[in-house]
């Protein structure tokens, strides 16, 4: 994947597979619609009970190809210790200013996994400071970067549900979304993956976990008159519109 000059949508994640699990359909749909989309993973998931960091990187690359990402990067922060430090903020600010996305998707602020909450905090602060002119950074080429703050930031739903601001209809890309998720064979149930003897079954590797994924997507889709939906909570609302009819141009069938 050759880096795009800029990205329309950038998804940030504590671990490889967070985006595929929670916003994979949305990313597939955006790529299909012709937008340049990318993912930046904060860690390599080295504390995971199954697989290895090297395998996770291979799986992430495969998922990126399935989705149609323009960019996928890994910051190499320590798994289990995603600290909201000035140093880590600067690392992320450089990437935000590099890709200048209009929309950014980030981890949930509340989740059973502490890394997800920590990643949301780090992302939130970095996205704000990235817009300050006096926070100076240089790019990969050594040139001083211009400040940039995305126009919209949304949290994707993880283990703990919230009342979403909006739900994306991902019905048309559902099979592609599941294929991208199952690229992470070591993490989620996949009949072709042979776990090592010391690799336990986990919360997400159980076969019934996919039933839960589908059930939640159907529940969210039902709210908007779709078969499958992915929920998001808008950060820092309200959302401003100038054309109410255009903003609400999608019919919502009565259920």
Protein backbone atom coordinates (compact mmCIF):
# COMPACT_ATOMS: atom_id res chain seq x y z
CA UNK A 1 0.00 0.00 0.00
CA UNK A 2 1.65 3.21 -1.16
CA UNK A 3 0.78 6.02 1.27
CA UNK A 4 -1.89 8.36 -0.01
CA UNK A 5 -1.06 12.07 0.05
CA UNK A 6 -3.99 12.62 2.37
CA UNK A 7 -6.84 10.52 3.74
CA UNK A 8 -10.55 11.19 3.78
CA UNK A 9 -11.07 8.94 6.80
CA UNK A 10 -8.52 7.67 9.33
CA UNK A 11 -9.33 5.03 11.95
CA UNK A 12 -7.18 4.81 15.08
CA UNK A 13 -6.99 1.65 17.16
CA UNK A 14 -5.28 0.29 20.25
CA UNK A 15 -4.71 -3.09 18.57
CA UNK A 16 -4.70 -4.58 15.09
CA UNK A 17 -8.27 -5.92 14.59
CA UNK A 18 -10.06 -3.28 16.74
CA UNK A 19 -11.23 -1.44 13.63
CA UNK A 20 -12.16 -4.62 11.76
CA UNK A 21 -14.18 -5.78 14.75
CA UNK A 22 -16.06 -2.55 15.41
CA UNK A 23 -16.00 -0.45 12.24
CA UNK A 24 -14.88 -2.86 9.53
CA UNK A 25 -18.05 -2.56 7.52
CA UNK A 26 -17.89 1.23 7.57
CA UNK A 27 -14.31 1.17 6.31
CA UNK A 28 -15.19 -1.33 3.57
CA UNK A 29 -18.11 0.82 2.50
CA UNK A 30 -16.05 4.02 2.43
CA UNK A 31 -13.32 2.38 0.34
CA UNK A 32 -15.96 1.02 -2.04
CA UNK A 33 -17.42 4.52 -2.36
CA UNK A 34 -14.05 5.82 -3.54
CA UNK A 35 -12.75 7.48 -0.38
CA UNK A 36 -9.12 7.16 0.70
CA UNK A 37 -9.19 5.41 4.06
CA UNK A 38 -6.49 4.23 6.43
CA UNK A 39 -5.85 2.65 9.81
CA UNK A 40 -3.16 3.41 12.37
CA UNK A 41 -2.78 0.73 15.03
CA UNK A 42 -1.07 1.84 18.23
CA UNK A 43 0.38 -1.53 19.29
CA UNK A 44 1.16 -4.92 17.79
CA UNK A 45 -1.04 -6.69 20.33
CA UNK A 46 1.94 -8.53 21.77
CA UNK A 47 0.15 -9.33 25.04
CA UNK A 48 -2.55 -11.27 23.22
CA UNK A 49 -3.09 -14.84 24.44
CA UNK A 50 -3.04 -16.24 20.91
CA UNK A 51 -0.76 -15.75 17.94
CA UNK A 52 2.43 -13.68 17.78
CA UNK A 53 3.15 -10.02 16.95
CA UNK A 54 4.64 -11.09 13.61
CA UNK A 55 1.53 -13.09 12.77
CA UNK A 56 -0.71 -10.21 13.82
CA UNK A 57 1.16 -7.94 11.39
CA UNK A 58 0.61 -10.43 8.56
CA UNK A 59 -3.07 -10.67 9.45
CA UNK A 60 -3.40 -6.89 9.57
CA UNK A 61 -1.88 -6.59 6.10
CA UNK A 62 -4.30 -9.19 4.75
CA UNK A 63 -7.26 -7.38 6.32
CA UNK A 64 -6.05 -4.09 4.83
CA UNK A 65 -6.07 -5.64 1.36
CA UNK A 66 -9.58 -7.01 1.83
CA UNK A 67 -10.92 -3.64 3.00
CA UNK A 68 -9.05 -1.65 0.35
CA UNK A 69 -7.06 0.61 2.65
CA UNK A 70 -4.76 3.25 1.21
CA UNK A 71 -2.63 3.25 4.38
CA UNK A 72 -2.01 0.99 7.36
CA UNK A 73 0.62 1.85 9.93
CA UNK A 74 1.62 0.59 13.37
CA UNK A 75 3.09 3.01 15.93
CA UNK A 76 4.75 0.23 17.94
CA UNK A 77 3.58 1.50 21.33
CA UNK A 78 3.73 -1.10 24.14
CA UNK A 79 0.65 -3.27 24.41
CA UNK A 80 -0.89 -2.91 27.86
CA UNK A 81 0.81 0.45 28.40
CA UNK A 82 -0.70 2.98 26.03
CA UNK A 83 0.34 6.04 27.98
CA UNK A 84 -1.07 9.49 27.21
CA UNK A 85 2.33 11.16 27.30
CA UNK A 86 3.56 14.19 25.36
CA UNK A 87 5.98 11.91 23.51
CA UNK A 88 3.22 9.55 22.38
CA UNK A 89 1.00 12.50 21.48
CA UNK A 90 3.77 13.87 19.25
CA UNK A 91 4.12 10.51 17.48
CA UNK A 92 0.41 10.52 16.70
CA UNK A 93 0.27 14.24 15.85
CA UNK A 94 2.89 13.68 13.16
CA UNK A 95 0.69 11.07 11.50
CA UNK A 96 -2.46 13.21 11.80
CA UNK A 97 -0.67 16.13 10.16
CA UNK A 98 0.80 13.80 7.56
CA UNK A 99 -2.56 12.43 6.40
CA UNK A 100 -4.84 15.40 7.27
CA UNK A 101 -8.05 13.33 7.51
CA UNK A 102 -11.42 15.02 7.52
CA UNK A 103 -12.97 12.26 9.65
CA UNK A 104 -11.30 10.19 12.38
CA UNK A 105 -12.71 7.08 14.05
CA UNK A 106 -11.34 6.16 17.50
CA UNK A 107 -11.73 3.56 20.24
CA UNK A 108 -14.58 3.74 22.73
CA UNK A 109 -14.08 5.76 25.89
CA UNK A 110 -15.63 2.95 27.98
CA UNK A 111 -14.69 -0.69 27.43
CA UNK A 112 -13.82 -3.86 29.31
CA UNK A 113 -10.28 -3.64 27.90
CA UNK A 114 -8.26 -0.80 29.54
CA UNK A 115 -6.15 -0.36 26.39
CA UNK A 116 -9.21 0.77 24.44
CA UNK A 117 -10.03 3.49 26.96
CA UNK A 118 -6.38 4.57 27.09
CA UNK A 119 -6.19 4.73 23.29
CA UNK A 120 -9.31 6.90 23.17
CA UNK A 121 -7.76 9.32 25.67
CA UNK A 122 -4.45 9.50 23.80
CA UNK A 123 -6.23 9.96 20.48
CA UNK A 124 -8.55 12.66 21.81
CA UNK A 125 -5.71 14.77 23.18
CA UNK A 126 -3.47 14.29 20.14
CA UNK A 127 -6.30 15.23 17.76
CA UNK A 128 -6.81 18.47 19.68
CA UNK A 129 -3.15 19.44 20.01
CA UNK A 130 -2.57 18.62 16.36
CA UNK A 131 -4.56 21.74 15.55
CA UNK A 132 -2.39 24.08 17.61
CA UNK A 133 0.13 26.05 15.61
CA UNK A 134 2.57 26.36 18.52
CA UNK A 135 2.81 22.57 18.87
CA UNK A 136 5.61 22.14 16.34
CA UNK A 137 6.41 18.87 14.58
CA UNK A 138 8.41 17.81 11.55
CA UNK A 139 7.45 15.21 9.00
CA UNK A 140 9.38 12.23 7.66
CA UNK A 141 11.12 14.57 5.22
CA UNK A 142 12.26 16.92 8.00
CA UNK A 143 9.95 19.73 6.91
CA UNK A 144 7.88 21.59 9.50
CA UNK A 145 4.30 20.33 9.45
CA UNK A 146 1.25 22.55 9.25
CA UNK A 147 -1.32 22.16 12.06
CA UNK A 148 -4.36 20.04 11.32
CA UNK A 149 -7.46 19.09 13.26
CA UNK A 150 -10.07 16.77 11.69
CA UNK A 151 -13.55 18.11 11.09
CA UNK A 152 -15.30 15.16 12.74
CA UNK A 153 -14.30 12.55 15.35
CA UNK A 154 -16.44 9.52 16.16
CA UNK A 155 -16.08 6.68 18.67
CA UNK A 156 -16.90 3.17 17.50
CA UNK A 157 -18.73 0.86 19.89
CA UNK A 158 -16.77 -1.90 21.62
CA UNK A 159 -17.75 -4.25 24.46
CA UNK A 160 -19.83 -1.71 26.43
CA UNK A 161 -22.85 -0.42 24.49
CA UNK A 162 -23.80 3.24 24.24
CA UNK A 163 -26.62 5.17 22.63
CA UNK A 164 -25.21 5.95 19.17
CA UNK A 165 -25.34 9.32 17.48
CA UNK A 166 -25.51 7.61 14.10
CA UNK A 167 -25.58 4.10 12.66
CA UNK A 168 -23.97 3.22 9.33
CA UNK A 169 -25.83 0.77 7.09
CA UNK A 170 -23.21 -1.88 6.24
CA UNK A 171 -25.60 -4.46 4.82
CA UNK A 172 -24.09 -4.36 1.31
CA UNK A 173 -20.57 -5.07 2.57
CA UNK A 174 -21.36 -7.47 5.40
CA UNK A 175 -19.63 -10.50 3.88
CA UNK A 176 -16.56 -8.42 3.02
CA UNK A 177 -16.51 -7.06 6.57
CA UNK A 178 -16.58 -10.57 8.03
CA UNK A 179 -13.83 -11.69 5.64
CA UNK A 180 -11.63 -8.80 6.82
CA UNK A 181 -12.27 -9.71 10.45
CA UNK A 182 -11.51 -13.37 9.87
CA UNK A 183 -8.19 -12.39 8.33
CA UNK A 184 -7.15 -12.33 12.00
CA UNK A 185 -7.29 -16.11 12.21
CA UNK A 186 -5.24 -16.25 15.38
CA UNK A 187 -7.63 -13.97 17.26
CA UNK A 188 -11.12 -14.94 16.15
CA UNK A 189 -12.65 -18.29 15.45
CA UNK A 190 -11.52 -19.64 12.11
CA UNK A 191 -11.76 -23.31 11.15
CA UNK A 192 -8.38 -23.17 9.37
CA UNK A 193 -6.42 -21.92 12.38
CA UNK A 194 -4.66 -24.53 14.47
CA UNK A 195 -3.96 -23.11 17.91
CA UNK A 196 -0.79 -24.10 19.73
CA UNK A 197 -1.22 -26.22 22.83
CA UNK A 198 -0.47 -23.22 25.06
CA UNK A 199 -3.01 -20.95 23.33
CA UNK A 200 -6.26 -20.84 25.33
CA UNK A 201 -9.71 -20.13 24.03
CA UNK A 202 -10.48 -16.47 24.63
CA UNK A 203 -13.50 -14.19 24.85
CA UNK A 204 -13.27 -13.46 21.11
CA UNK A 205 -11.98 -16.80 19.76
CA UNK A 206 -15.06 -18.71 20.88
CA UNK A 207 -17.26 -19.66 17.90
CA UNK A 208 -20.30 -18.09 19.55
CA UNK A 209 -18.58 -14.68 19.50
CA UNK A 210 -19.44 -14.34 15.80
CA UNK A 211 -23.08 -14.94 16.66
CA UNK A 212 -22.86 -11.99 19.07
CA UNK A 213 -21.22 -9.81 16.40
CA UNK A 214 -24.04 -10.54 13.97
CA UNK A 215 -26.72 -10.11 16.63
CA UNK A 216 -25.45 -6.66 17.60
CA UNK A 217 -25.12 -5.58 13.97
CA UNK A 218 -28.68 -6.74 13.31
CA UNK A 219 -29.91 -4.89 16.39
CA UNK A 220 -28.24 -1.66 15.33
CA UNK A 221 -29.36 -2.11 11.74
CA UNK A 222 -32.95 -2.62 12.88
CA UNK A 223 -32.92 0.87 14.40
CA UNK A 224 -32.36 2.44 10.98
CA UNK A 225 -34.32 0.04 8.81
CA UNK A 226 -31.25 -1.90 7.63
CA UNK A 227 -30.16 -5.51 7.93
CA UNK A 228 -26.77 -4.73 9.50
CA UNK A 229 -25.54 -1.54 11.14
CA UNK A 230 -22.41 -0.22 12.87
CA UNK A 231 -22.96 2.35 15.66
CA UNK A 232 -20.87 5.44 16.39
CA UNK A 233 -20.97 8.19 18.97
CA UNK A 234 -20.06 11.66 17.75
CA UNK A 235 -17.36 13.37 19.83
CA UNK A 236 -17.92 17.01 20.66
CA UNK A 237 -21.35 17.44 19.10
CA UNK A 238 -23.75 18.76 18.04
CA UNK A 239 -23.38 18.19 14.31
CA UNK A 240 -24.05 21.31 12.25
CA UNK A 241 -26.03 21.12 9.01
CA UNK A 242 -27.00 23.72 6.42
CA UNK A 243 -29.33 21.50 4.38
CA UNK A 244 -31.57 19.48 6.68
CA UNK A 245 -33.28 17.66 3.82
CA UNK A 246 -29.95 16.55 2.35
CA UNK A 247 -28.67 15.46 5.76
CA UNK A 248 -31.77 13.31 6.24
CA UNK A 249 -32.17 12.12 2.65
CA UNK A 250 -32.19 8.44 3.64
CA UNK A 251 -35.61 7.00 4.30
CA UNK A 252 -36.10 5.29 7.63
CA UNK A 253 -38.69 2.57 7.11
CA UNK A 254 -41.09 1.99 9.93
CA UNK A 255 -40.29 -1.16 11.88
